[in-house]
């Protein structure tokens, strides 16, 4: 069984401070709340939320699920889209 795994980065192009996440977080907390600008999904499909407790799903059309890949800019069309930089508060694998 594969373990979901995503790496969140504070800066675009997967730079700056980073943290590994391997389970759903109802609140990213501490440093990473409203800081994420890029990410790498190593395993699993993930949903992203602008608020704690998995509220306000992020992405074009009110929600987007993303799978493995490198997402150098959170606002890119292949990522979560316009207006999502520095807004992530919770996320979970699906």
Protein backbone atom coordinates (compact mmCIF):
# COMPACT_ATOMS: atom_id res chain seq x y z
CA UNK A 1 0.00 0.00 0.00
CA UNK A 2 1.41 3.37 -1.03
CA UNK A 3 1.55 6.14 1.54
CA UNK A 4 0.30 9.56 0.33
CA UNK A 5 3.19 12.04 0.28
CA UNK A 6 3.38 15.71 -0.69
CA UNK A 7 6.13 18.28 -0.10
CA UNK A 8 5.00 21.89 0.36
CA UNK A 9 7.39 24.77 -0.38
CA UNK A 10 7.24 28.38 0.79
CA UNK A 11 8.58 29.75 -2.51
CA UNK A 12 7.89 29.11 -6.17
CA UNK A 13 10.05 26.64 -8.12
CA UNK A 14 10.11 24.36 -5.06
CA UNK A 15 12.36 26.68 -3.12
CA UNK A 16 12.62 27.99 0.41
CA UNK A 17 11.41 26.28 3.53
CA UNK A 18 9.56 23.01 2.99
CA UNK A 19 7.60 20.39 4.89
CA UNK A 20 6.58 16.81 4.14
CA UNK A 21 2.95 15.77 4.58
CA UNK A 22 1.85 12.12 4.55
CA UNK A 23 -1.71 12.39 5.87
CA UNK A 24 -4.62 14.79 5.82
CA UNK A 25 -4.09 17.94 7.88
CA UNK A 26 -7.19 19.82 8.99
CA UNK A 27 -4.88 22.77 9.72
CA UNK A 28 -1.37 23.14 8.35
CA UNK A 29 -0.55 25.32 11.33
CA UNK A 30 2.55 27.18 12.34
CA UNK A 31 4.73 28.41 9.55
CA UNK A 32 2.98 26.81 6.56
CA UNK A 33 -0.52 28.24 6.93
CA UNK A 34 -1.06 30.73 4.07
CA UNK A 35 2.56 30.36 2.90
CA UNK A 36 2.66 27.61 0.23
CA UNK A 37 3.73 28.72 -3.27
CA UNK A 38 4.73 25.39 -4.86
CA UNK A 39 4.61 21.68 -4.12
CA UNK A 40 5.61 18.22 -5.28
CA UNK A 41 3.16 15.33 -5.02
CA UNK A 42 5.16 12.12 -4.70
CA UNK A 43 2.27 9.75 -4.03
CA UNK A 44 -1.53 9.86 -4.03
CA UNK A 45 -4.18 12.31 -5.16
CA UNK A 46 -4.74 15.39 -3.01
CA UNK A 47 -7.41 18.02 -2.38
CA UNK A 48 -6.50 21.50 -1.13
CA UNK A 49 -8.49 23.96 1.00
CA UNK A 50 -8.27 27.68 1.72
CA UNK A 51 -9.63 27.27 5.27
CA UNK A 52 -8.97 24.89 8.16
CA UNK A 53 -11.07 21.75 8.60
CA UNK A 54 -11.16 21.04 4.85
CA UNK A 55 -13.39 24.02 4.03
CA UNK A 56 -13.31 26.05 0.84
CA UNK A 57 -11.81 23.67 -1.69
CA UNK A 58 -9.20 25.35 -3.87
CA UNK A 59 -8.90 25.15 -7.65
CA UNK A 60 -10.71 26.20 -10.77
CA UNK A 61 -14.45 25.69 -10.54
CA UNK A 62 -14.41 25.34 -6.74
CA UNK A 63 -12.25 22.28 -6.45
CA UNK A 64 -9.43 20.37 -8.00
CA UNK A 65 -7.77 17.06 -7.19
CA UNK A 66 -4.13 16.75 -8.19
CA UNK A 67 -1.92 13.69 -8.54
CA UNK A 68 1.82 13.04 -8.66
CA UNK A 69 3.92 15.72 -10.27
CA UNK A 70 6.00 18.84 -9.75
CA UNK A 71 3.95 22.03 -9.37
CA UNK A 72 6.45 24.90 -9.55
CA UNK A 73 3.83 27.63 -9.14
CA UNK A 74 0.62 27.05 -7.19
CA UNK A 75 -1.28 29.53 -9.42
CA UNK A 76 -0.37 27.76 -12.68
CA UNK A 77 -3.21 26.33 -14.77
CA UNK A 78 -1.88 22.79 -14.20
CA UNK A 79 -1.83 23.42 -10.43
CA UNK A 80 -4.55 25.18 -8.37
CA UNK A 81 -4.99 28.27 -10.53
CA UNK A 82 -5.17 32.03 -10.07
CA UNK A 83 -5.57 33.49 -6.60
CA UNK A 84 -4.30 30.45 -4.68
CA UNK A 85 -0.79 31.60 -3.72
CA UNK A 86 -0.19 31.86 0.03
CA UNK A 87 -3.75 30.72 0.86
CA UNK A 88 -3.48 26.99 1.65
CA UNK A 89 -4.68 26.08 5.17
CA UNK A 90 -5.61 22.38 4.96
CA UNK A 91 -5.20 19.43 2.60
CA UNK A 92 -5.97 15.75 2.40
CA UNK A 93 -5.35 12.70 0.22
CA UNK A 94 -8.39 11.22 -1.50
